[in-house]
């Protein structure tokens, strides 16, 4: 416990960079580490600990530099906000298109299932009736589209 207290005090001395006094570290006969501002007697080997000096403070920005930095940040925030708004609008548009396609596909499938016969119109406007296999493929195609759009 006493070792920890001494160690903590030693670290406290290290952390105090306000005082620029010399700090010495040595170990006594009992193996305890000591820190002091005074060198121990000459019989003990002491290690001098050099504390780092304060780092110079950053240069103070002029009001014009601060204003320019603020304006740059505001422009960057505005640009980011616009990009997010555009992305959200695009996502909403895609979602609306997906919902619309879902409704159309479900409606068309219901009509296919209710109808007794199905046909397509050719270029001249004549009816071309679908065979049972063509009808099954058309219904399967609509079901896959419903799965894709109505998830």
N, C-alpha and C. Protein backbone atom coordinates (compact mmCIF):
# COMPACT_ATOMS: atom_id res chain seq x y z
N UNK A 1 0.83 -1.19 0.00
CA UNK A 1 0.00 0.00 0.00
C UNK A 1 0.86 1.25 0.00
N UNK A 2 1.91 1.20 0.81
CA UNK A 2 2.81 2.35 0.90
C UNK A 2 3.53 2.58 -0.43
N UNK A 3 3.86 1.48 -1.12
CA UNK A 3 4.53 1.59 -2.42
C UNK A 3 3.61 2.29 -3.42
N UNK A 4 2.36 1.90 -3.38
CA UNK A 4 1.41 2.50 -4.32
C UNK A 4 1.25 3.99 -4.06
N UNK A 5 1.21 4.34 -2.78
CA UNK A 5 1.07 5.75 -2.42
C UNK A 5 2.28 6.53 -2.90
N UNK A 6 3.44 5.98 -2.69
CA UNK A 6 4.65 6.67 -3.15
C UNK A 6 4.68 6.74 -4.67
N UNK A 7 4.27 5.67 -5.31
CA UNK A 7 4.24 5.66 -6.77
C UNK A 7 3.25 6.71 -7.30
N UNK A 8 2.08 6.77 -6.67
CA UNK A 8 1.08 7.76 -7.08
C UNK A 8 1.61 9.17 -6.87
N UNK A 9 2.27 9.39 -5.75
CA UNK A 9 2.85 10.72 -5.51
C UNK A 9 3.91 11.04 -6.56
N UNK A 10 4.68 10.03 -6.92
CA UNK A 10 5.69 10.22 -7.95
C UNK A 10 5.06 10.59 -9.27
N UNK A 11 4.00 9.91 -9.64
CA UNK A 11 3.31 10.24 -10.88
C UNK A 11 2.70 11.64 -10.82
N UNK A 12 2.24 12.00 -9.65
CA UNK A 12 1.70 13.34 -9.48
C UNK A 12 2.78 14.39 -9.75
N UNK A 13 3.97 14.12 -9.20
CA UNK A 13 5.08 15.03 -9.46
C UNK A 13 5.40 15.10 -10.95
N UNK A 14 5.33 13.96 -11.62
CA UNK A 14 5.60 13.95 -13.06
C UNK A 14 4.56 14.75 -13.82
N UNK A 15 3.32 14.66 -13.38
CA UNK A 15 2.24 15.35 -14.07
C UNK A 15 2.26 16.85 -13.88
N UNK A 16 2.94 17.31 -12.85
CA UNK A 16 2.99 18.75 -12.60
C UNK A 16 4.09 19.36 -13.46
N UNK A 17 3.70 19.83 -14.60
CA UNK A 17 4.70 20.43 -15.47
C UNK A 17 4.81 21.93 -15.26
N UNK A 18 4.05 22.43 -14.29
CA UNK A 18 4.10 23.86 -14.02
C UNK A 18 5.45 24.22 -13.40
N UNK A 19 5.87 23.42 -12.44
CA UNK A 19 7.16 23.67 -11.81
C UNK A 19 8.24 23.09 -12.69
N UNK A 20 9.24 23.86 -12.98
CA UNK A 20 10.31 23.42 -13.85
C UNK A 20 11.53 22.96 -13.05
N UNK A 21 11.31 22.56 -11.82
CA UNK A 21 12.42 22.10 -10.98
C UNK A 21 12.89 20.73 -11.46
N UNK A 22 14.11 20.36 -11.08
CA UNK A 22 14.63 19.04 -11.42
C UNK A 22 13.95 18.00 -10.55
N UNK A 23 13.67 16.87 -11.12
CA UNK A 23 13.06 15.77 -10.37
C UNK A 23 13.99 14.57 -10.50
N UNK A 24 14.21 13.92 -9.36
CA UNK A 24 15.11 12.78 -9.33
C UNK A 24 14.34 11.54 -8.90
N UNK A 25 14.76 10.40 -9.42
CA UNK A 25 14.13 9.12 -9.09
C UNK A 25 15.24 8.20 -8.60
N UNK A 26 15.01 7.53 -7.49
CA UNK A 26 15.97 6.56 -6.99
C UNK A 26 15.27 5.47 -6.21
N UNK A 27 15.96 4.38 -5.96
CA UNK A 27 15.44 3.23 -5.22
C UNK A 27 16.24 3.12 -3.93
N UNK A 28 15.52 2.99 -2.81
CA UNK A 28 16.22 2.88 -1.53
C UNK A 28 16.63 1.44 -1.25
N UNK A 29 17.16 1.19 -0.06
CA UNK A 29 17.67 -0.13 0.31
C UNK A 29 16.55 -1.16 0.40
N UNK A 30 15.32 -0.72 0.66
CA UNK A 30 14.17 -1.63 0.75
C UNK A 30 13.52 -1.91 -0.60
N UNK A 31 14.03 -1.29 -1.65
CA UNK A 31 13.48 -1.51 -2.99
C UNK A 31 12.35 -0.57 -3.36
N UNK A 32 12.08 0.41 -2.49
CA UNK A 32 11.01 1.35 -2.80
C UNK A 32 11.53 2.46 -3.71
N UNK A 33 10.69 2.86 -4.65
CA UNK A 33 11.05 3.92 -5.58
C UNK A 33 10.65 5.25 -4.97
N UNK A 34 11.57 6.23 -5.06
CA UNK A 34 11.30 7.55 -4.51
C UNK A 34 11.47 8.58 -5.61
N UNK A 35 10.70 9.67 -5.49
CA UNK A 35 10.82 10.82 -6.39
C UNK A 35 11.03 12.04 -5.51
N UNK A 36 11.91 12.93 -5.93
CA UNK A 36 12.18 14.11 -5.12
C UNK A 36 12.72 15.21 -6.00
N UNK A 37 12.60 16.46 -5.50
CA UNK A 37 13.19 17.59 -6.21
C UNK A 37 14.66 17.76 -5.84
N UNK A 38 15.05 17.09 -4.78
CA UNK A 38 16.45 17.18 -4.34
C UNK A 38 17.13 15.85 -4.64
N UNK A 39 18.37 15.93 -5.07
CA UNK A 39 19.13 14.72 -5.35
C UNK A 39 19.39 13.97 -4.04
N UNK A 40 19.35 12.64 -4.08
CA UNK A 40 19.65 11.88 -2.86
C UNK A 40 21.15 11.99 -2.54
N UNK A 41 21.52 11.38 -1.41
CA UNK A 41 22.94 11.43 -1.08
C UNK A 41 23.77 10.76 -2.17
N UNK A 42 25.01 11.01 -2.17
CA UNK A 42 25.88 10.56 -3.26
C UNK A 42 26.04 9.05 -3.32
N UNK A 43 25.67 8.34 -2.27
CA UNK A 43 25.82 6.88 -2.25
C UNK A 43 24.78 6.21 -3.15
N UNK A 44 23.68 6.87 -3.40
CA UNK A 44 22.61 6.28 -4.19
C UNK A 44 22.69 6.82 -5.63
N UNK A 45 22.42 5.90 -6.55
CA UNK A 45 22.37 6.32 -7.96
C UNK A 45 20.97 6.87 -8.22
N UNK A 46 20.92 8.08 -8.70
CA UNK A 46 19.63 8.72 -8.98
C UNK A 46 19.54 9.02 -10.47
N UNK A 47 18.35 8.89 -10.96
CA UNK A 47 18.09 9.18 -12.38
C UNK A 47 17.35 10.51 -12.44
N UNK A 48 17.86 11.43 -13.23
CA UNK A 48 17.20 12.72 -13.38
C UNK A 48 16.09 12.57 -14.41
N UNK A 49 14.92 13.04 -14.07
CA UNK A 49 13.77 12.93 -14.97
C UNK A 49 13.54 14.30 -15.59
N UNK A 50 13.54 14.34 -16.87
CA UNK A 50 13.32 15.61 -17.58
C UNK A 50 11.84 15.69 -17.97
N UNK A 51 11.22 16.72 -17.51
CA UNK A 51 9.81 16.92 -17.83
C UNK A 51 9.70 17.66 -19.15
N UNK A 52 8.69 17.32 -19.94
CA UNK A 52 8.54 18.04 -21.22
C UNK A 52 8.09 19.47 -20.96
N UNK A 53 8.58 20.35 -21.77
CA UNK A 53 8.19 21.76 -21.69
C UNK A 53 6.82 21.91 -22.35
N UNK A 54 6.17 22.98 -22.02
CA UNK A 54 4.87 23.24 -22.64
C UNK A 54 5.04 23.41 -24.13
N UNK A 55 4.12 22.83 -24.87
CA UNK A 55 4.13 23.03 -26.32
C UNK A 55 3.69 24.46 -26.60
N UNK A 56 4.28 25.10 -27.57
CA UNK A 56 3.85 26.47 -27.88
C UNK A 56 2.40 26.47 -28.32
N UNK A 57 1.71 27.50 -27.93
CA UNK A 57 0.30 27.59 -28.30
C UNK A 57 0.17 27.90 -29.78
N UNK A 58 -0.91 27.43 -30.33
CA UNK A 58 -1.17 27.67 -31.75
C UNK A 58 -1.36 29.17 -31.97
N UNK A 59 -0.98 29.58 -33.13
CA UNK A 59 -1.13 31.00 -33.46
C UNK A 59 -2.60 31.36 -33.46
N UNK A 60 -2.89 32.51 -32.94
CA UNK A 60 -4.27 32.97 -32.87
C UNK A 60 -4.70 33.42 -34.27
N UNK A 61 -5.84 32.91 -34.67
CA UNK A 61 -6.35 33.25 -36.00
C UNK A 61 -6.95 34.65 -35.98
N UNK A 62 -6.79 35.32 -37.07
CA UNK A 62 -7.37 36.66 -37.19
C UNK A 62 -8.88 36.52 -37.38
N UNK A 63 -9.61 37.60 -37.12
CA UNK A 63 -11.07 37.54 -37.33
C UNK A 63 -11.44 37.15 -38.75
N UNK A 64 -10.66 37.62 -39.72
CA UNK A 64 -10.95 37.27 -41.12
C UNK A 64 -10.75 35.78 -41.36
N UNK A 65 -9.70 35.20 -40.76
CA UNK A 65 -9.44 33.77 -40.92
C UNK A 65 -10.54 32.96 -40.25
N UNK A 66 -10.98 33.39 -39.07
CA UNK A 66 -12.08 32.69 -38.39
C UNK A 66 -13.37 32.75 -39.20
N UNK A 67 -13.65 33.94 -39.77
CA UNK A 67 -14.85 34.12 -40.59
C UNK A 67 -14.78 33.22 -41.83
N UNK A 68 -13.61 33.18 -42.44
CA UNK A 68 -13.43 32.34 -43.64
C UNK A 68 -13.60 30.86 -43.29
N UNK A 69 -13.04 30.45 -42.17
CA UNK A 69 -13.18 29.05 -41.74
C UNK A 69 -14.64 28.72 -41.45
N UNK A 70 -15.34 29.66 -40.79
CA UNK A 70 -16.76 29.46 -40.49
C UNK A 70 -17.57 29.34 -41.79
N UNK A 71 -17.29 30.23 -42.74
CA UNK A 71 -18.01 30.20 -44.02
C UNK A 71 -17.76 28.90 -44.77
N UNK A 72 -16.52 28.43 -44.73
CA UNK A 72 -16.21 27.15 -45.39
C UNK A 72 -16.97 26.00 -44.75
N UNK A 73 -17.02 26.00 -43.41
CA UNK A 73 -17.77 24.95 -42.72
C UNK A 73 -19.26 25.02 -43.05
N UNK A 74 -19.80 26.23 -43.07
CA UNK A 74 -21.22 26.38 -43.39
C UNK A 74 -21.52 25.91 -44.81
N UNK A 75 -20.64 26.23 -45.75
CA UNK A 75 -20.83 25.76 -47.13
C UNK A 75 -20.77 24.23 -47.18
N UNK A 76 -19.83 23.66 -46.45
CA UNK A 76 -19.71 22.19 -46.45
C UNK A 76 -20.96 21.56 -45.84
N UNK A 77 -21.48 22.13 -44.75
CA UNK A 77 -22.71 21.61 -44.14
C UNK A 77 -23.89 21.74 -45.08
N UNK A 78 -24.00 22.88 -45.76
CA UNK A 78 -25.10 23.08 -46.72
C UNK A 78 -25.02 22.06 -47.85
N UNK A 79 -23.82 21.85 -48.37
CA UNK A 79 -23.64 20.88 -49.46
C UNK A 79 -24.02 19.47 -49.00
N UNK A 80 -23.59 19.12 -47.81
CA UNK A 80 -23.93 17.80 -47.27
C UNK A 80 -25.44 17.66 -47.08
N UNK A 81 -26.07 18.72 -46.57
CA UNK A 81 -27.52 18.71 -46.38
C UNK A 81 -28.25 18.55 -47.71
N UNK A 82 -27.78 19.25 -48.75
CA UNK A 82 -28.40 19.14 -50.08
C UNK A 82 -28.25 17.73 -50.64
N UNK A 83 -27.06 17.15 -50.47
CA UNK A 83 -26.84 15.79 -50.96
C UNK A 83 -27.75 14.79 -50.25
N UNK A 84 -27.89 14.95 -48.93
CA UNK A 84 -28.79 14.05 -48.19
C UNK A 84 -30.23 14.23 -48.64
N UNK A 85 -30.64 15.48 -48.89
CA UNK A 85 -32.00 15.76 -49.33
C UNK A 85 -32.25 15.15 -50.71
N UNK A 86 -31.27 15.28 -51.62
CA UNK A 86 -31.40 14.69 -52.95
C UNK A 86 -31.47 13.17 -52.86
N UNK A 87 -30.64 12.57 -52.03
CA UNK A 87 -30.65 11.12 -51.87
C UNK A 87 -31.99 10.64 -51.31
N UNK A 88 -32.54 11.40 -50.36
CA UNK A 88 -33.83 11.04 -49.77
C UNK A 88 -34.95 11.16 -50.81
N UNK A 89 -34.90 12.22 -51.61
CA UNK A 89 -35.92 12.42 -52.65
C UNK A 89 -35.84 11.29 -53.68
N UNK A 90 -34.64 10.92 -54.06
CA UNK A 90 -34.47 9.83 -55.03
C UNK A 90 -34.98 8.52 -54.45
N UNK A 91 -34.69 8.28 -53.18
CA UNK A 91 -35.17 7.06 -52.53
C UNK A 91 -36.70 7.05 -52.45
N UNK A 92 -37.29 8.18 -52.12
CA UNK A 92 -38.75 8.27 -52.05
C UNK A 92 -39.38 8.05 -53.43
N UNK A 93 -38.73 8.61 -54.47
CA UNK A 93 -39.24 8.43 -55.83
C UNK A 93 -39.17 6.96 -56.24
N UNK A 94 -38.06 6.31 -55.93
CA UNK A 94 -37.93 4.88 -56.26
C UNK A 94 -38.96 4.05 -55.49
N UNK A 95 -39.19 4.41 -54.24
CA UNK A 95 -40.17 3.69 -53.41
C UNK A 95 -41.58 3.87 -53.98
N UNK A 96 -41.91 5.08 -54.42
CA UNK A 96 -43.23 5.33 -55.01
C UNK A 96 -43.39 4.54 -56.31
N UNK A 97 -42.33 4.49 -57.13
CA UNK A 97 -42.37 3.73 -58.38
C UNK A 97 -42.55 2.23 -58.08
N UNK A 98 -41.86 1.75 -57.06
CA UNK A 98 -41.97 0.34 -56.69
C UNK A 98 -43.39 0.01 -56.22
N UNK A 99 -43.97 0.88 -55.38
CA UNK A 99 -45.34 0.65 -54.91
C UNK A 99 -46.33 0.67 -56.07
N UNK A 100 -46.14 1.62 -57.00
CA UNK A 100 -47.02 1.72 -58.17
C UNK A 100 -46.94 0.44 -59.01
N UNK A 101 -45.73 -0.02 -59.28
CA UNK A 101 -45.55 -1.26 -60.05
C UNK A 101 -46.16 -2.46 -59.32
N UNK A 102 -46.07 -2.46 -58.02
CA UNK A 102 -46.65 -3.54 -57.22
C UNK A 102 -48.17 -3.58 -57.39
N UNK A 103 -48.79 -2.41 -57.29
CA UNK A 103 -50.26 -2.33 -57.43
C UNK A 103 -50.68 -2.78 -58.83
N UNK A 104 -49.96 -2.30 -59.85
CA UNK A 104 -50.29 -2.68 -61.22
C UNK A 104 -50.15 -4.19 -61.46
N UNK A 105 -49.06 -4.76 -60.95
CA UNK A 105 -48.83 -6.20 -61.15
C UNK A 105 -49.88 -7.03 -60.43
N UNK A 106 -50.25 -6.65 -59.22
CA UNK A 106 -51.28 -7.39 -58.48
C UNK A 106 -52.63 -7.30 -59.20
N UNK A 107 -52.95 -6.11 -59.67
CA UNK A 107 -54.21 -5.92 -60.39
C UNK A 107 -54.24 -6.75 -61.67
N UNK A 108 -53.14 -6.73 -62.40
CA UNK A 108 -53.09 -7.50 -63.65
C UNK A 108 -53.20 -8.99 -63.38
N UNK A 109 -52.54 -9.48 -62.30
CA UNK A 109 -52.63 -10.91 -61.96
C UNK A 109 -54.07 -11.28 -61.61
N UNK A 110 -54.76 -10.44 -60.86
CA UNK A 110 -56.16 -10.72 -60.53
C UNK A 110 -57.01 -10.79 -61.80
N UNK A 111 -56.76 -9.87 -62.71
CA UNK A 111 -57.51 -9.90 -63.97
C UNK A 111 -57.20 -11.17 -64.77
N UNK A 112 -55.94 -11.58 -64.80
CA UNK A 112 -55.57 -12.81 -65.50
C UNK A 112 -56.27 -14.01 -64.88
N UNK A 113 -56.33 -14.06 -63.57
CA UNK A 113 -56.93 -15.21 -62.88
C UNK A 113 -58.44 -15.23 -63.03
N UNK A 114 -59.08 -14.07 -63.16
CA UNK A 114 -60.53 -14.02 -63.33
C UNK A 114 -60.97 -14.30 -64.77
N UNK A 115 -60.13 -13.98 -65.70
CA UNK A 115 -60.51 -14.09 -67.12
C UNK A 115 -60.56 -15.56 -67.54
N UNK A 116 -61.51 -15.85 -68.43
CA UNK A 116 -61.59 -17.21 -68.97
C UNK A 116 -60.59 -17.39 -70.10
N UNK A 117 -60.40 -16.36 -70.89
CA UNK A 117 -59.40 -16.41 -71.97
C UNK A 117 -58.61 -15.11 -71.95
N UNK A 118 -57.33 -15.23 -72.36
CA UNK A 118 -56.46 -14.06 -72.43
C UNK A 118 -56.01 -13.86 -73.86
N UNK A 119 -55.82 -12.59 -74.23
CA UNK A 119 -55.32 -12.31 -75.57
C UNK A 119 -54.46 -11.05 -75.54
N UNK A 120 -53.64 -10.93 -76.54
CA UNK A 120 -52.84 -9.73 -76.80
C UNK A 120 -53.26 -9.20 -78.15
N UNK A 121 -53.09 -7.92 -78.35
CA UNK A 121 -53.41 -7.33 -79.65
C UNK A 121 -52.13 -7.24 -80.48
N UNK A 122 -52.23 -7.62 -81.74
CA UNK A 122 -51.07 -7.48 -82.64
C UNK A 122 -51.04 -6.09 -83.23
N UNK A 123 -50.12 -5.85 -84.20
CA UNK A 123 -49.96 -4.51 -84.78
C UNK A 123 -51.21 -4.01 -85.48
N UNK A 124 -51.98 -4.92 -86.00
CA UNK A 124 -53.17 -4.51 -86.76
C UNK A 124 -54.40 -4.38 -85.87
N UNK A 125 -54.26 -4.75 -84.58
CA UNK A 125 -55.39 -4.63 -83.66
C UNK A 125 -56.18 -5.92 -83.55
N UNK A 126 -55.70 -7.02 -84.19
CA UNK A 126 -56.40 -8.31 -84.08
C UNK A 126 -55.99 -8.99 -82.79
N UNK A 127 -56.94 -9.75 -82.25
CA UNK A 127 -56.68 -10.48 -81.02
C UNK A 127 -55.86 -11.74 -81.32
N UNK A 128 -54.84 -11.99 -80.51
CA UNK A 128 -54.04 -13.22 -80.54
C UNK A 128 -54.22 -13.87 -79.18
N UNK A 129 -54.98 -14.96 -79.14
CA UNK A 129 -55.31 -15.63 -77.89
C UNK A 129 -54.10 -16.40 -77.38
N UNK A 130 -53.94 -16.38 -76.05
CA UNK A 130 -52.82 -17.08 -75.41
C UNK A 130 -53.20 -18.54 -75.16
N UNK A 131 -52.24 -19.42 -75.39
CA UNK A 131 -52.46 -20.83 -75.07
C UNK A 131 -52.35 -21.00 -73.55
N UNK A 132 -52.69 -22.19 -73.06
CA UNK A 132 -52.60 -22.44 -71.62
C UNK A 132 -51.16 -22.29 -71.12
N UNK A 133 -50.19 -22.75 -71.90
CA UNK A 133 -48.78 -22.64 -71.51
C UNK A 133 -48.36 -21.16 -71.47
N UNK A 134 -48.78 -20.38 -72.45
CA UNK A 134 -48.44 -18.95 -72.48
C UNK A 134 -49.09 -18.22 -71.30
N UNK A 135 -50.32 -18.62 -71.00
CA UNK A 135 -51.02 -18.01 -69.87
C UNK A 135 -50.31 -18.34 -68.56
N UNK A 136 -49.87 -19.58 -68.38
CA UNK A 136 -49.15 -19.97 -67.16
C UNK A 136 -47.85 -19.19 -67.02
N UNK A 137 -47.12 -19.04 -68.16
CA UNK A 137 -45.87 -18.27 -68.13
C UNK A 137 -46.14 -16.81 -67.77
N UNK A 138 -47.21 -16.23 -68.31
CA UNK A 138 -47.55 -14.84 -68.03
C UNK A 138 -47.89 -14.64 -66.54
N UNK A 139 -48.65 -15.60 -65.98
CA UNK A 139 -49.01 -15.52 -64.56
C UNK A 139 -47.76 -15.70 -63.68
N UNK A 140 -46.90 -16.64 -64.05
CA UNK A 140 -45.67 -16.85 -63.29
C UNK A 140 -44.78 -15.61 -63.35
N UNK A 141 -44.72 -14.98 -64.51
CA UNK A 141 -43.94 -13.75 -64.67
C UNK A 141 -44.50 -12.65 -63.76
N UNK A 142 -45.81 -12.51 -63.72
CA UNK A 142 -46.42 -11.50 -62.85
C UNK A 142 -46.16 -11.80 -61.37
N UNK A 143 -46.22 -13.08 -61.00
CA UNK A 143 -45.95 -13.44 -59.59
C UNK A 143 -44.51 -13.11 -59.20
N UNK A 144 -43.58 -13.32 -60.12
CA UNK A 144 -42.18 -12.97 -59.81
C UNK A 144 -42.02 -11.46 -59.70
N UNK A 145 -42.73 -10.70 -60.55
CA UNK A 145 -42.69 -9.24 -60.47
C UNK A 145 -43.31 -8.76 -59.16
N UNK A 146 -44.38 -9.41 -58.72
CA UNK A 146 -45.02 -9.05 -57.44
C UNK A 146 -44.05 -9.30 -56.29
N UNK A 147 -43.34 -10.43 -56.35
CA UNK A 147 -42.33 -10.73 -55.32
C UNK A 147 -41.25 -9.66 -55.29
N UNK A 148 -40.84 -9.22 -56.46
CA UNK A 148 -39.77 -8.22 -56.56
C UNK A 148 -40.23 -6.86 -56.07
N UNK A 149 -41.44 -6.43 -56.46
CA UNK A 149 -41.90 -5.08 -56.16
C UNK A 149 -42.68 -4.95 -54.87
N UNK A 150 -43.24 -6.01 -54.37
CA UNK A 150 -44.12 -5.92 -53.20
C UNK A 150 -43.50 -6.53 -51.94
N UNK A 151 -42.23 -6.49 -51.82
CA UNK A 151 -41.57 -7.12 -50.67
C UNK A 151 -41.84 -6.41 -49.40
